[in-house]
Amino acid sequence: MARVDRHTRLVGWLKVALPLTALAILSTLFLVARRIDPEAALPYAEVDVEDLAREPRMTAPNYAGTTEDGAALTLSAAEARPEAEGSPATAEGLRLELATPDGGRTELLAATATMDDAARQVILSGGVMLSTATGYRLETAEVAAKLDRTGLESRAPVVATGPAGEIRADGMVLSQDNRTPGAYVLVFKGGVRLVYQPGG
């Protein structure tokens, strides 16, 4: 009987003690918790609103499409400005990817780009870096890239490194091969100089 009494008393004390302990823990959580500064809780972006109103722009835009000959074209940029009165659409930090139906991949990186709507092309400039799936890496000052069909043409001297060695030329054209439908060729033109590296 004494054992049952002890058990009943213990349960009675626990019924009182446990809720009181829980309340004590909760109250210390609220007392010890850091105070929140309402002004620091909402960070604001430091943006010049007047400058954005004068010159509207898009951040990280993307464009994807397919050319008439079936090549997949993807354009992305760090920042782009739409066409305005007297000035074409421009972009900065541009990346262009071209995947041709024959499995070839070409990637271009450029500091700046200008859209030429009349010629359906984009002019990449400011130091253009071009790399192909065949192992060629080209550097030139300016490249015109067609948007309606597969076509890249440099408008400045080209320095290229690849499996054959180093190639220097006055220009370069990447286009469809007229003799082989579905194939694409990279042609160097105008005073081509090749430094051949055997075993390359």
N, C-alpha and C. Protein backbone atom coordinates (compact mmCIF):
# COMPACT_ATOMS: atom_id res chain seq x y z
N MET A 1 0.83 -1.21 0.00
CA MET A 1 0.00 0.00 0.00
C MET A 1 0.87 1.25 0.00
N ALA A 2 1.97 1.18 0.80
CA ALA A 2 2.89 2.33 0.87
C ALA A 2 3.53 2.59 -0.49
N ARG A 3 3.81 1.47 -1.20
CA ARG A 3 4.43 1.60 -2.51
C ARG A 3 3.49 2.32 -3.48
N VAL A 4 2.21 2.01 -3.48
CA VAL A 4 1.21 2.64 -4.34
C VAL A 4 1.10 4.12 -3.99
N ASP A 5 1.12 4.44 -2.66
CA ASP A 5 1.06 5.84 -2.22
C ASP A 5 2.24 6.64 -2.75
N ARG A 6 3.44 6.02 -2.65
CA ARG A 6 4.63 6.70 -3.13
C ARG A 6 4.53 6.98 -4.64
N HIS A 7 4.05 6.00 -5.36
CA HIS A 7 3.89 6.14 -6.82
C HIS A 7 2.86 7.23 -7.15
N THR A 8 1.76 7.25 -6.41
CA THR A 8 0.71 8.25 -6.63
C THR A 8 1.23 9.65 -6.32
N ARG A 9 2.00 9.75 -5.21
CA ARG A 9 2.55 11.06 -4.86
C ARG A 9 3.53 11.54 -5.93
N LEU A 10 4.40 10.62 -6.41
CA LEU A 10 5.40 10.97 -7.43
C LEU A 10 4.73 11.47 -8.71
N VAL A 11 3.69 10.75 -9.11
CA VAL A 11 2.94 11.16 -10.32
C VAL A 11 2.30 12.52 -10.10
N GLY A 12 1.75 12.75 -8.92
CA GLY A 12 1.14 14.06 -8.61
C GLY A 12 2.15 15.18 -8.68
N TRP A 13 3.35 14.94 -8.09
CA TRP A 13 4.41 15.97 -8.16
C TRP A 13 4.86 16.22 -9.60
N LEU A 14 5.02 15.16 -10.38
CA LEU A 14 5.45 15.30 -11.78
C LEU A 14 4.42 16.07 -12.61
N LYS A 15 3.14 15.87 -12.31
CA LYS A 15 2.09 16.59 -13.03
C LYS A 15 2.22 18.09 -12.82
N VAL A 16 2.73 18.48 -11.69
CA VAL A 16 2.91 19.90 -11.38
C VAL A 16 4.29 20.38 -11.85
N ALA A 17 5.32 19.57 -11.58
CA ALA A 17 6.71 19.99 -11.83
C ALA A 17 7.04 20.08 -13.32
N LEU A 18 6.61 19.12 -14.10
CA LEU A 18 6.98 19.11 -15.53
C LEU A 18 6.39 20.31 -16.30
N PRO A 19 5.11 20.63 -16.15
CA PRO A 19 4.62 21.84 -16.83
C PRO A 19 5.32 23.11 -16.36
N LEU A 20 5.63 23.20 -15.05
CA LEU A 20 6.34 24.39 -14.55
C LEU A 20 7.74 24.48 -15.14
N THR A 21 8.42 23.33 -15.27
CA THR A 21 9.76 23.30 -15.89
C THR A 21 9.68 23.74 -17.35
N ALA A 22 8.68 23.26 -18.06
CA ALA A 22 8.50 23.64 -19.47
C ALA A 22 8.27 25.14 -19.59
N LEU A 23 7.45 25.70 -18.72
CA LEU A 23 7.21 27.16 -18.73
C LEU A 23 8.49 27.93 -18.45
N ALA A 24 9.29 27.43 -17.51
CA ALA A 24 10.55 28.10 -17.17
C ALA A 24 11.50 28.10 -18.37
N ILE A 25 11.60 26.96 -19.07
CA ILE A 25 12.49 26.88 -20.26
C ILE A 25 12.01 27.83 -21.34
N LEU A 26 10.71 27.86 -21.61
CA LEU A 26 10.17 28.75 -22.64
C LEU A 26 10.41 30.21 -22.30
N SER A 27 10.22 30.58 -21.04
CA SER A 27 10.42 31.98 -20.66
C SER A 27 11.87 32.39 -20.79
N THR A 28 12.81 31.46 -20.47
CA THR A 28 14.24 31.81 -20.64
C THR A 28 14.59 31.94 -22.11
N LEU A 29 13.95 31.15 -22.99
CA LEU A 29 14.20 31.29 -24.43
C LEU A 29 13.84 32.69 -24.91
N PHE A 30 12.72 33.20 -24.46
CA PHE A 30 12.30 34.54 -24.88
C PHE A 30 13.16 35.62 -24.25
N LEU A 31 13.60 35.40 -23.02
CA LEU A 31 14.42 36.40 -22.34
C LEU A 31 15.84 36.46 -22.91
N VAL A 32 16.39 35.28 -23.26
CA VAL A 32 17.78 35.21 -23.72
C VAL A 32 17.89 35.51 -25.22
N ALA A 33 16.82 35.34 -25.97
CA ALA A 33 16.87 35.55 -27.43
C ALA A 33 17.31 36.96 -27.77
N ARG A 34 18.07 37.04 -28.92
CA ARG A 34 18.55 38.36 -29.38
C ARG A 34 17.39 39.25 -29.79
N ARG A 35 17.58 40.52 -29.57
CA ARG A 35 16.56 41.46 -30.02
C ARG A 35 16.76 41.73 -31.51
N ILE A 36 15.67 41.83 -32.24
CA ILE A 36 15.72 42.05 -33.68
C ILE A 36 15.62 43.53 -33.97
N ASP A 37 16.58 43.99 -34.78
CA ASP A 37 16.55 45.39 -35.20
C ASP A 37 15.69 45.46 -36.46
N PRO A 38 14.52 46.10 -36.41
CA PRO A 38 13.62 46.10 -37.58
C PRO A 38 14.21 46.81 -38.79
N GLU A 39 15.12 47.74 -38.58
CA GLU A 39 15.72 48.45 -39.72
C GLU A 39 16.74 47.57 -40.43
N ALA A 40 17.43 46.72 -39.67
CA ALA A 40 18.45 45.85 -40.27
C ALA A 40 17.82 44.61 -40.89
N ALA A 41 16.56 44.34 -40.60
CA ALA A 41 15.91 43.12 -41.09
C ALA A 41 15.58 43.18 -42.57
N LEU A 42 15.45 44.37 -43.14
CA LEU A 42 15.09 44.50 -44.55
C LEU A 42 16.22 45.17 -45.34
N PRO A 43 17.11 44.37 -45.93
CA PRO A 43 18.18 44.98 -46.72
C PRO A 43 17.62 45.50 -48.06
N TYR A 44 18.09 46.64 -48.48
CA TYR A 44 17.65 47.22 -49.75
C TYR A 44 18.81 47.21 -50.74
N ALA A 45 18.49 46.93 -52.01
CA ALA A 45 19.51 46.96 -53.05
C ALA A 45 19.87 48.41 -53.35
N GLU A 46 21.17 48.64 -53.50
CA GLU A 46 21.62 50.00 -53.81
C GLU A 46 21.56 50.20 -55.32
N VAL A 47 20.45 50.72 -55.79
CA VAL A 47 20.21 50.90 -57.22
C VAL A 47 19.88 52.36 -57.49
N ASP A 48 20.49 52.90 -58.55
CA ASP A 48 20.18 54.26 -58.95
C ASP A 48 18.92 54.22 -59.81
N VAL A 49 17.79 54.56 -59.20
CA VAL A 49 16.49 54.46 -59.88
C VAL A 49 16.40 55.41 -61.07
N GLU A 50 16.95 56.61 -60.91
CA GLU A 50 16.91 57.58 -62.01
C GLU A 50 17.70 57.09 -63.21
N ASP A 51 18.87 56.45 -62.95
CA ASP A 51 19.68 55.91 -64.04
C ASP A 51 18.94 54.78 -64.75
N LEU A 52 18.22 53.92 -63.99
CA LEU A 52 17.44 52.85 -64.60
C LEU A 52 16.30 53.39 -65.45
N ALA A 53 15.69 54.50 -65.02
CA ALA A 53 14.60 55.11 -65.78
C ALA A 53 15.13 55.71 -67.09
N ARG A 54 16.34 56.32 -67.02
CA ARG A 54 16.94 56.90 -68.23
C ARG A 54 17.39 55.83 -69.21
N GLU A 55 18.04 54.79 -68.69
CA GLU A 55 18.56 53.72 -69.53
C GLU A 55 18.03 52.37 -69.04
N PRO A 56 16.87 51.94 -69.53
CA PRO A 56 16.34 50.64 -69.11
C PRO A 56 17.25 49.50 -69.57
N ARG A 57 17.34 48.47 -68.74
CA ARG A 57 18.21 47.33 -69.07
C ARG A 57 17.66 46.06 -68.44
N MET A 58 18.15 44.93 -68.94
CA MET A 58 17.78 43.62 -68.42
C MET A 58 19.03 42.95 -67.86
N THR A 59 18.89 42.27 -66.75
CA THR A 59 20.00 41.55 -66.16
C THR A 59 19.88 40.07 -66.47
N ALA A 60 20.99 39.48 -66.92
CA ALA A 60 21.08 38.04 -67.26
C ALA A 60 19.98 37.59 -68.23
N PRO A 61 19.82 38.25 -69.40
CA PRO A 61 18.82 37.78 -70.36
C PRO A 61 19.31 36.53 -71.11
N ASN A 62 18.38 35.75 -71.62
CA ASN A 62 18.68 34.55 -72.40
C ASN A 62 17.83 34.52 -73.65
N TYR A 63 18.41 34.03 -74.75
CA TYR A 63 17.68 33.86 -76.00
C TYR A 63 18.07 32.50 -76.57
N ALA A 64 17.09 31.72 -76.97
CA ALA A 64 17.37 30.42 -77.59
C ALA A 64 16.48 30.27 -78.81
N GLY A 65 17.06 29.73 -79.87
CA GLY A 65 16.30 29.53 -81.10
C GLY A 65 16.99 28.52 -82.00
N THR A 66 16.36 28.30 -83.16
CA THR A 66 16.91 27.36 -84.14
C THR A 66 17.04 28.07 -85.47
N THR A 67 18.18 27.88 -86.14
CA THR A 67 18.40 28.52 -87.44
C THR A 67 17.68 27.73 -88.53
N GLU A 68 17.65 28.30 -89.74
CA GLU A 68 16.96 27.67 -90.86
C GLU A 68 17.55 26.29 -91.19
N ASP A 69 18.85 26.12 -90.96
CA ASP A 69 19.50 24.85 -91.28
C ASP A 69 19.48 23.86 -90.12
N GLY A 70 18.77 24.18 -89.03
CA GLY A 70 18.59 23.24 -87.93
C GLY A 70 19.59 23.33 -86.80
N ALA A 71 20.42 24.37 -86.77
CA ALA A 71 21.39 24.52 -85.68
C ALA A 71 20.73 25.21 -84.49
N ALA A 72 21.10 24.77 -83.30
CA ALA A 72 20.55 25.36 -82.07
C ALA A 72 21.44 26.52 -81.64
N LEU A 73 20.83 27.68 -81.47
CA LEU A 73 21.56 28.90 -81.12
C LEU A 73 21.10 29.39 -79.76
N THR A 74 22.04 29.61 -78.85
CA THR A 74 21.72 30.10 -77.51
C THR A 74 22.57 31.32 -77.21
N LEU A 75 21.91 32.41 -76.81
CA LEU A 75 22.60 33.64 -76.45
C LEU A 75 22.28 33.97 -74.99
N SER A 76 23.31 34.34 -74.23
CA SER A 76 23.08 34.82 -72.87
C SER A 76 24.05 35.96 -72.61
N ALA A 77 23.68 36.86 -71.71
CA ALA A 77 24.51 38.03 -71.42
C ALA A 77 24.41 38.40 -69.96
N ALA A 78 25.40 39.14 -69.49
CA ALA A 78 25.35 39.64 -68.12
C ALA A 78 24.33 40.76 -68.02
N GLU A 79 24.27 41.60 -69.06
CA GLU A 79 23.34 42.73 -69.06
C GLU A 79 23.03 43.10 -70.51
N ALA A 80 21.79 43.52 -70.78
CA ALA A 80 21.39 43.92 -72.12
C ALA A 80 20.54 45.17 -72.06
N ARG A 81 20.71 46.03 -73.07
CA ARG A 81 19.91 47.25 -73.18
C ARG A 81 19.08 47.17 -74.45
N PRO A 82 17.78 47.42 -74.36
CA PRO A 82 16.92 47.32 -75.55
C PRO A 82 17.21 48.45 -76.54
N GLU A 83 16.68 48.26 -77.73
CA GLU A 83 16.85 49.26 -78.78
C GLU A 83 16.17 50.56 -78.37
N ALA A 84 16.87 51.68 -78.58
CA ALA A 84 16.31 53.00 -78.28
C ALA A 84 16.39 53.85 -79.54
N GLU A 85 15.86 55.06 -79.46
CA GLU A 85 15.86 55.95 -80.64
C GLU A 85 17.29 56.22 -81.09
N GLY A 86 17.59 55.79 -82.31
CA GLY A 86 18.91 56.06 -82.89
C GLY A 86 20.02 55.14 -82.43
N SER A 87 19.74 54.20 -81.53
CA SER A 87 20.80 53.27 -81.09
C SER A 87 20.25 51.84 -81.05
N PRO A 88 21.05 50.87 -81.53
CA PRO A 88 20.58 49.47 -81.56
C PRO A 88 20.63 48.82 -80.17
N ALA A 89 20.07 47.65 -80.08
CA ALA A 89 20.13 46.88 -78.83
C ALA A 89 21.56 46.43 -78.60
N THR A 90 22.02 46.52 -77.34
CA THR A 90 23.40 46.13 -77.01
C THR A 90 23.40 45.18 -75.81
N ALA A 91 24.53 44.51 -75.63
CA ALA A 91 24.68 43.59 -74.50
C ALA A 91 26.13 43.60 -74.04
N GLU A 92 26.32 43.23 -72.78
CA GLU A 92 27.66 43.12 -72.21
C GLU A 92 27.83 41.73 -71.61
N GLY A 93 29.07 41.24 -71.68
CA GLY A 93 29.34 39.91 -71.14
C GLY A 93 28.56 38.83 -71.87
N LEU A 94 28.68 38.81 -73.22
CA LEU A 94 27.86 37.92 -74.03
C LEU A 94 28.50 36.54 -74.20
N ARG A 95 27.64 35.54 -74.19
CA ARG A 95 28.06 34.15 -74.47
C ARG A 95 27.14 33.58 -75.53
N LEU A 96 27.70 33.06 -76.62
CA LEU A 96 26.92 32.50 -77.71
C LEU A 96 27.32 31.04 -77.88
N GLU A 97 26.34 30.15 -77.93
CA GLU A 97 26.59 28.73 -78.17
C GLU A 97 25.86 28.30 -79.43
N LEU A 98 26.59 27.59 -80.30
CA LEU A 98 26.02 27.12 -81.55
C LEU A 98 26.24 25.62 -81.64
N ALA A 99 25.15 24.87 -81.71
CA ALA A 99 25.22 23.41 -81.84
C ALA A 99 24.64 23.04 -83.20
N THR A 100 25.50 22.58 -84.12
CA THR A 100 25.07 22.25 -85.48
C THR A 100 24.53 20.82 -85.53
N PRO A 101 23.68 20.51 -86.54
CA PRO A 101 23.07 19.17 -86.64
C PRO A 101 24.09 18.04 -86.78
N ASP A 102 25.31 18.34 -87.27
CA ASP A 102 26.31 17.29 -87.45
C ASP A 102 27.04 16.95 -86.14
N GLY A 103 26.60 17.58 -85.02
CA GLY A 103 27.20 17.28 -83.72
C GLY A 103 28.27 18.26 -83.28
N GLY A 104 28.60 19.21 -84.14
CA GLY A 104 29.62 20.20 -83.81
C GLY A 104 29.10 21.25 -82.82
N ARG A 105 29.99 21.70 -81.94
CA ARG A 105 29.62 22.73 -80.96
C ARG A 105 30.65 23.85 -81.01
N THR A 106 30.16 25.09 -81.03
CA THR A 106 31.02 26.26 -81.04
C THR A 106 30.54 27.21 -79.96
N GLU A 107 31.48 27.76 -79.20
CA GLU A 107 31.14 28.70 -78.14
C GLU A 107 31.93 29.99 -78.33
N LEU A 108 31.25 31.12 -78.22
CA LEU A 108 31.89 32.43 -78.33
C LEU A 108 31.67 33.21 -77.05
N LEU A 109 32.70 33.91 -76.61
CA LEU A 109 32.61 34.81 -75.46
C LEU A 109 33.07 36.18 -75.93
N ALA A 110 32.33 37.22 -75.59
CA ALA A 110 32.67 38.58 -76.02
C ALA A 110 32.32 39.57 -74.93
N ALA A 111 33.09 40.66 -74.86
CA ALA A 111 32.84 41.69 -73.85
C ALA A 111 31.56 42.46 -74.17
N THR A 112 31.36 42.79 -75.46
CA THR A 112 30.17 43.55 -75.86
C THR A 112 29.56 42.97 -77.13
N ALA A 113 28.29 43.30 -77.37
CA ALA A 113 27.60 42.85 -78.58
C ALA A 113 26.57 43.88 -78.99
N THR A 114 26.37 44.00 -80.31
CA THR A 114 25.39 44.93 -80.87
C THR A 114 24.50 44.18 -81.84
N MET A 115 23.21 44.36 -81.74
CA MET A 115 22.26 43.69 -82.62
C MET A 115 22.09 44.47 -83.91
N ASP A 116 22.19 43.78 -85.05
CA ASP A 116 21.96 44.38 -86.37
C ASP A 116 20.71 43.71 -86.94
N ASP A 117 19.54 44.31 -86.69
CA ASP A 117 18.27 43.71 -87.11
C ASP A 117 18.15 43.60 -88.63
N ALA A 118 18.65 44.61 -89.34
CA ALA A 118 18.52 44.62 -90.80
C ALA A 118 19.24 43.42 -91.42
N ALA A 119 20.42 43.10 -90.92
CA ALA A 119 21.21 41.98 -91.46
C ALA A 119 20.93 40.67 -90.72
N ARG A 120 20.03 40.67 -89.73
CA ARG A 120 19.71 39.49 -88.93
C ARG A 120 20.98 38.86 -88.35
N GLN A 121 21.78 39.71 -87.69
CA GLN A 121 23.01 39.22 -87.09
C GLN A 121 23.36 40.02 -85.85
N VAL A 122 24.25 39.47 -85.04
CA VAL A 122 24.73 40.16 -83.86
C VAL A 122 26.25 40.32 -84.02
N ILE A 123 26.74 41.53 -83.72
CA ILE A 123 28.16 41.83 -83.85
C ILE A 123 28.80 41.73 -82.47
N LEU A 124 29.70 40.77 -82.31
CA LEU A 124 30.40 40.58 -81.04
C LEU A 124 31.75 41.28 -81.13
N SER A 125 32.09 42.02 -80.09
CA SER A 125 33.36 42.76 -80.12
C SER A 125 33.95 42.86 -78.72
N GLY A 126 35.08 43.57 -78.64
CA GLY A 126 35.74 43.75 -77.34
C GLY A 126 36.57 42.56 -76.93
N GLY A 127 37.18 41.88 -77.90
CA GLY A 127 37.99 40.71 -77.60
C GLY A 127 37.13 39.46 -77.60
N VAL A 128 36.99 38.82 -78.75
CA VAL A 128 36.13 37.65 -78.90
C VAL A 128 36.97 36.37 -78.78
N MET A 129 36.50 35.46 -77.95
CA MET A 129 37.16 34.16 -77.78
C MET A 129 36.21 33.09 -78.31
N LEU A 130 36.70 32.29 -79.27
CA LEU A 130 35.87 31.27 -79.90
C LEU A 130 36.53 29.91 -79.70
N SER A 131 35.77 28.93 -79.27
CA SER A 131 36.31 27.58 -79.13
C SER A 131 35.37 26.59 -79.80
N THR A 132 35.94 25.60 -80.49
CA THR A 132 35.14 24.61 -81.21
C THR A 132 35.35 23.23 -80.61
N ALA A 133 34.41 22.33 -80.91
CA ALA A 133 34.49 20.96 -80.39
C ALA A 133 35.64 20.20 -81.02
N THR A 134 36.16 20.69 -82.16
CA THR A 134 37.27 20.01 -82.83
C THR A 134 38.62 20.38 -82.23
N GLY A 135 38.61 21.23 -81.19
CA GLY A 135 39.86 21.54 -80.50
C GLY A 135 40.51 22.86 -80.88
N TYR A 136 39.82 23.68 -81.67
CA TYR A 136 40.38 24.98 -82.05
C TYR A 136 39.95 26.05 -81.06
N ARG A 137 40.86 26.96 -80.77
CA ARG A 137 40.58 28.10 -79.89
C ARG A 137 41.05 29.35 -80.63
N LEU A 138 40.12 30.25 -80.92
CA LEU A 138 40.43 31.44 -81.72
C LEU A 138 40.25 32.71 -80.91
N GLU A 139 41.06 33.70 -81.24
CA GLU A 139 40.94 35.03 -80.65
C GLU A 139 40.91 36.05 -81.77
N THR A 140 39.96 36.98 -81.68
CA THR A 140 39.85 38.04 -82.67
C THR A 140 39.14 39.24 -82.02
N ALA A 141 39.19 40.38 -82.70
CA ALA A 141 38.59 41.59 -82.12
C ALA A 141 37.09 41.68 -82.35
N GLU A 142 36.60 41.13 -83.49
CA GLU A 142 35.17 41.28 -83.81
C GLU A 142 34.68 40.13 -84.66
N VAL A 143 33.47 39.66 -84.34
CA VAL A 143 32.84 38.56 -85.09
C VAL A 143 31.38 38.91 -85.35
N ALA A 144 30.93 38.63 -86.59
CA ALA A 144 29.52 38.79 -86.94
C ALA A 144 28.88 37.40 -86.93
N ALA A 145 27.83 37.22 -86.13
CA ALA A 145 27.15 35.92 -86.02
C ALA A 145 25.74 36.05 -86.57
N LYS A 146 25.41 35.22 -87.54
CA LYS A 146 24.07 35.22 -88.14
C LYS A 146 23.06 34.62 -87.16
N LEU A 147 21.85 35.14 -87.16
CA LEU A 147 20.80 34.63 -86.28
C LEU A 147 19.80 33.74 -87.01
N ASP A 148 19.71 33.88 -88.35
CA ASP A 148 18.73 33.10 -89.11
C ASP A 148 19.33 31.84 -89.73
N ARG A 149 20.65 31.76 -89.82
CA ARG A 149 21.32 30.56 -90.36
C ARG A 149 22.69 30.44 -89.70
N THR A 150 23.32 29.29 -89.87
CA THR A 150 24.64 29.08 -89.27
C THR A 150 25.68 29.87 -90.04
N GLY A 151 26.28 30.84 -89.38
CA GLY A 151 27.30 31.65 -90.03
C GLY A 151 28.03 32.55 -89.05
N LEU A 152 29.33 32.37 -88.94
CA LEU A 152 30.19 33.22 -88.12
C LEU A 152 31.29 33.76 -89.01
N GLU A 153 31.55 35.05 -88.94
CA GLU A 153 32.62 35.64 -89.75
C GLU A 153 33.37 36.68 -88.94
N SER A 154 34.69 36.53 -88.89
CA SER A 154 35.50 37.51 -88.16
C SER A 154 35.70 38.73 -89.03
N ARG A 155 35.76 39.91 -88.38
CA ARG A 155 35.97 41.17 -89.10
C ARG A 155 37.32 41.77 -88.73
N ALA A 156 38.21 40.96 -88.22
CA ALA A 156 39.54 41.40 -87.80
C ALA A 156 40.47 40.19 -87.89
N PRO A 157 41.78 40.42 -87.85
CA PRO A 157 42.73 39.29 -87.89
C PRO A 157 42.46 38.27 -86.77
N VAL A 158 42.78 37.01 -87.08
CA VAL A 158 42.48 35.89 -86.18
C VAL A 158 43.77 35.18 -85.79
N VAL A 159 43.86 34.81 -84.52
CA VAL A 159 44.94 33.94 -84.04
C VAL A 159 44.26 32.70 -83.48
N ALA A 160 44.62 31.53 -84.03
CA ALA A 160 43.97 30.29 -83.61
C ALA A 160 45.01 29.26 -83.22
N THR A 161 44.70 28.49 -82.20
CA THR A 161 45.52 27.34 -81.83
C THR A 161 44.64 26.12 -81.90
N GLY A 162 45.22 25.03 -82.40
CA GLY A 162 44.43 23.81 -82.55
C GLY A 162 45.30 22.60 -82.73
N PRO A 163 44.69 21.48 -83.13
CA PRO A 163 45.45 20.23 -83.30
C PRO A 163 46.61 20.35 -84.28
N ALA A 164 46.47 21.19 -85.30
CA ALA A 164 47.54 21.31 -86.31
C ALA A 164 48.66 22.24 -85.86
N GLY A 165 48.40 23.11 -84.89
CA GLY A 165 49.40 24.09 -84.47
C GLY A 165 48.77 25.46 -84.32
N GLU A 166 49.53 26.50 -84.67
CA GLU A 166 49.02 27.87 -84.56
C GLU A 166 48.73 28.42 -85.95
N ILE A 167 47.57 29.05 -86.09
CA ILE A 167 47.17 29.63 -87.37
C ILE A 167 46.92 31.11 -87.17
N ARG A 168 47.50 31.92 -88.07
CA ARG A 168 47.24 33.36 -88.09
C ARG A 168 46.66 33.70 -89.46
N ALA A 169 45.57 34.46 -89.47
CA ALA A 169 44.92 34.80 -90.74
C ALA A 169 44.26 36.16 -90.63
N ASP A 170 43.94 36.72 -91.81
CA ASP A 170 43.25 38.02 -91.84
C ASP A 170 41.78 37.88 -91.50
N GLY A 171 41.25 36.67 -91.62
CA GLY A 171 39.84 36.46 -91.34
C GLY A 171 39.49 34.99 -91.21
N MET A 172 38.25 34.72 -90.82
CA MET A 172 37.76 33.35 -90.61
C MET A 172 36.26 33.33 -90.87
N VAL A 173 35.79 32.21 -91.45
CA VAL A 173 34.35 32.03 -91.69
C VAL A 173 33.96 30.61 -91.29
N LEU A 174 32.90 30.50 -90.49
CA LEU A 174 32.31 29.21 -90.17
C LEU A 174 30.94 29.20 -90.82
N SER A 175 30.71 28.22 -91.73
CA SER A 175 29.43 28.18 -92.46
C SER A 175 29.15 26.76 -92.92
N GLN A 176 27.98 26.60 -93.58
CA GLN A 176 27.63 25.31 -94.15
C GLN A 176 28.54 24.99 -95.32
N ASP A 177 28.86 23.70 -95.48
CA ASP A 177 29.66 23.26 -96.62
C ASP A 177 28.73 23.08 -97.81
N ASN A 178 28.92 23.89 -98.85
CA ASN A 178 28.04 23.83 -100.04
C ASN A 178 28.14 22.49 -100.76
N ARG A 179 29.32 21.84 -100.67
CA ARG A 179 29.51 20.58 -101.40
C ARG A 179 28.95 19.38 -100.64
N THR A 180 28.88 19.50 -99.28
CA THR A 180 28.38 18.38 -98.47
C THR A 180 27.21 18.86 -97.61
N PRO A 181 25.98 18.59 -98.02
CA PRO A 181 24.82 19.02 -97.24
C PRO A 181 24.86 18.46 -95.81
N GLY A 182 24.55 19.31 -94.84
CA GLY A 182 24.55 18.89 -93.44
C GLY A 182 25.90 18.97 -92.76
N ALA A 183 26.94 19.36 -93.51
CA ALA A 183 28.28 19.49 -92.93
C ALA A 183 28.65 20.97 -92.83
N TYR A 184 29.59 21.28 -91.94
CA TYR A 184 30.00 22.66 -91.71
C TYR A 184 31.52 22.76 -91.77
N VAL A 185 32.01 23.88 -92.27
CA VAL A 185 33.45 24.06 -92.43
C VAL A 185 33.92 25.36 -91.76
N LEU A 186 35.14 25.32 -91.26
CA LEU A 186 35.79 26.49 -90.68
C LEU A 186 36.92 26.85 -91.64
N VAL A 187 36.81 28.02 -92.28
CA VAL A 187 37.76 28.43 -93.31
C VAL A 187 38.52 29.67 -92.85
N PHE A 188 39.87 29.59 -92.93
CA PHE A 188 40.73 30.76 -92.66
C PHE A 188 41.06 31.38 -94.01
N LYS A 189 41.08 32.71 -94.06
CA LYS A 189 41.31 33.36 -95.36
C LYS A 189 42.18 34.60 -95.22
N GLY A 190 42.77 35.01 -96.34
CA GLY A 190 43.55 36.26 -96.39
C GLY A 190 44.87 36.21 -95.68
N GLY A 191 45.92 35.72 -96.34
CA GLY A 191 47.25 35.70 -95.74
C GLY A 191 47.35 34.74 -94.58
N VAL A 192 46.97 33.48 -94.81
CA VAL A 192 46.98 32.48 -93.75
C VAL A 192 48.40 32.00 -93.49
N ARG A 193 48.79 31.95 -92.23
CA ARG A 193 50.12 31.48 -91.83
C ARG A 193 49.94 30.39 -90.79
N LEU A 194 50.47 29.19 -91.10
CA LEU A 194 50.33 28.06 -90.19
C LEU A 194 51.70 27.67 -89.64
N VAL A 195 51.80 27.62 -88.33
CA VAL A 195 53.00 27.10 -87.67
C VAL A 195 52.63 25.68 -87.26
N TYR A 196 53.10 24.71 -88.07
CA TYR A 196 52.71 23.31 -87.85
C TYR A 196 53.51 22.69 -86.71
N GLN A 197 52.80 21.95 -85.86
CA GLN A 197 53.43 21.24 -84.75
C GLN A 197 53.23 19.74 -84.96
N PRO A 198 54.27 19.03 -85.39
CA PRO A 198 54.12 17.60 -85.64
C PRO A 198 53.64 16.85 -84.40
N GLY A 199 52.75 15.91 -84.63
CA GLY A 199 52.22 15.13 -83.52
C GLY A 199 51.15 15.83 -82.73
N GLY A 200 50.68 17.00 -83.22
CA GLY A 200 49.67 17.77 -82.51
C GLY A 200 48.29 17.23 -82.73
